[in-house]
Protein backbone atom coordinates (compact mmCIF):
# COMPACT_ATOMS: atom_id res chain seq x y z
CA UNK A 1 -0.25 0.10 -0.10
CA UNK A 2 3.04 2.38 1.05
CA UNK A 3 4.54 1.10 -2.53
CA UNK A 4 1.37 2.67 -4.75
CA UNK A 5 1.39 5.89 -2.57
CA UNK A 6 4.36 7.33 -3.04
CA UNK A 7 4.27 5.86 -6.89
CA UNK A 8 0.80 7.78 -6.65
CA UNK A 9 3.35 11.32 -5.29
CA UNK A 10 6.11 10.63 -7.60
CA UNK A 11 3.72 10.29 -10.49
CA UNK A 12 1.82 13.70 -9.39
CA UNK A 13 5.16 15.32 -9.18
CA UNK A 14 6.10 14.43 -12.99
CA UNK A 15 2.69 15.80 -13.96
CA UNK A 16 2.23 18.75 -12.38
CA UNK A 17 6.36 19.21 -13.52
CA UNK A 18 5.37 18.62 -17.02
CA UNK A 19 2.63 21.15 -17.30
CA UNK A 20 4.50 23.90 -15.47
CA UNK A 21 7.13 23.64 -17.65
CA UNK A 22 5.06 23.64 -20.53
CA UNK A 23 2.55 27.10 -19.59
CA UNK A 24 5.65 28.49 -19.26
CA UNK A 25 6.92 27.40 -22.42
CA UNK A 26 3.56 28.42 -23.94
CA UNK A 27 3.76 31.85 -22.63
CA UNK A 28 7.55 33.44 -22.73
CA UNK A 29 8.70 31.04 -26.19
CA UNK A 30 7.38 30.46 -29.22
CA UNK A 31 8.53 26.67 -31.12
CA UNK A 32 10.58 28.58 -33.26
CA UNK A 33 12.42 29.86 -30.63
CA UNK A 34 12.70 26.66 -28.68
CA UNK A 35 14.06 25.30 -31.45
CA UNK A 36 16.55 28.03 -31.84
CA UNK A 37 17.78 28.16 -28.48
CA UNK A 38 18.14 24.06 -28.19
CA UNK A 39 20.09 24.44 -31.29
CA UNK A 40 22.56 27.00 -30.09
CA UNK A 41 23.14 25.18 -26.93
CA UNK A 42 23.92 22.17 -28.93
CA UNK A 43 26.41 23.53 -31.25
CA UNK A 44 28.09 26.22 -29.04
CA UNK A 45 31.84 25.67 -28.58
CA UNK A 46 32.99 24.37 -25.85
CA UNK A 47 35.66 25.00 -22.88
CA UNK A 48 39.15 23.16 -23.25
CA UNK A 49 38.54 21.19 -20.26
CA UNK A 50 35.04 20.46 -20.67
CA UNK A 51 35.93 18.59 -24.36
CA UNK A 52 38.15 16.09 -22.24
CA UNK A 53 35.98 15.85 -19.64
CA UNK A 54 32.42 15.47 -20.62
CA UNK A 55 31.48 18.11 -18.50
CA UNK A 56 31.99 21.59 -17.04
CA UNK A 57 34.32 22.20 -14.28
CA UNK A 58 33.49 24.59 -11.36
CA UNK A 59 36.00 26.91 -10.34
């Protein structure tokens, strides 16, 4: 019973998170802006340290 309760809470949390992000995206960014943002993030040049490890280094 506890397992079902925890699964229900997790599913509810994921659903709320999805709808909040969807509403935020719909309000502030068009599809074209979203696509451009993702392309920019994918194509931006990485720092030399980041290329080696694959993740940013915190200094």
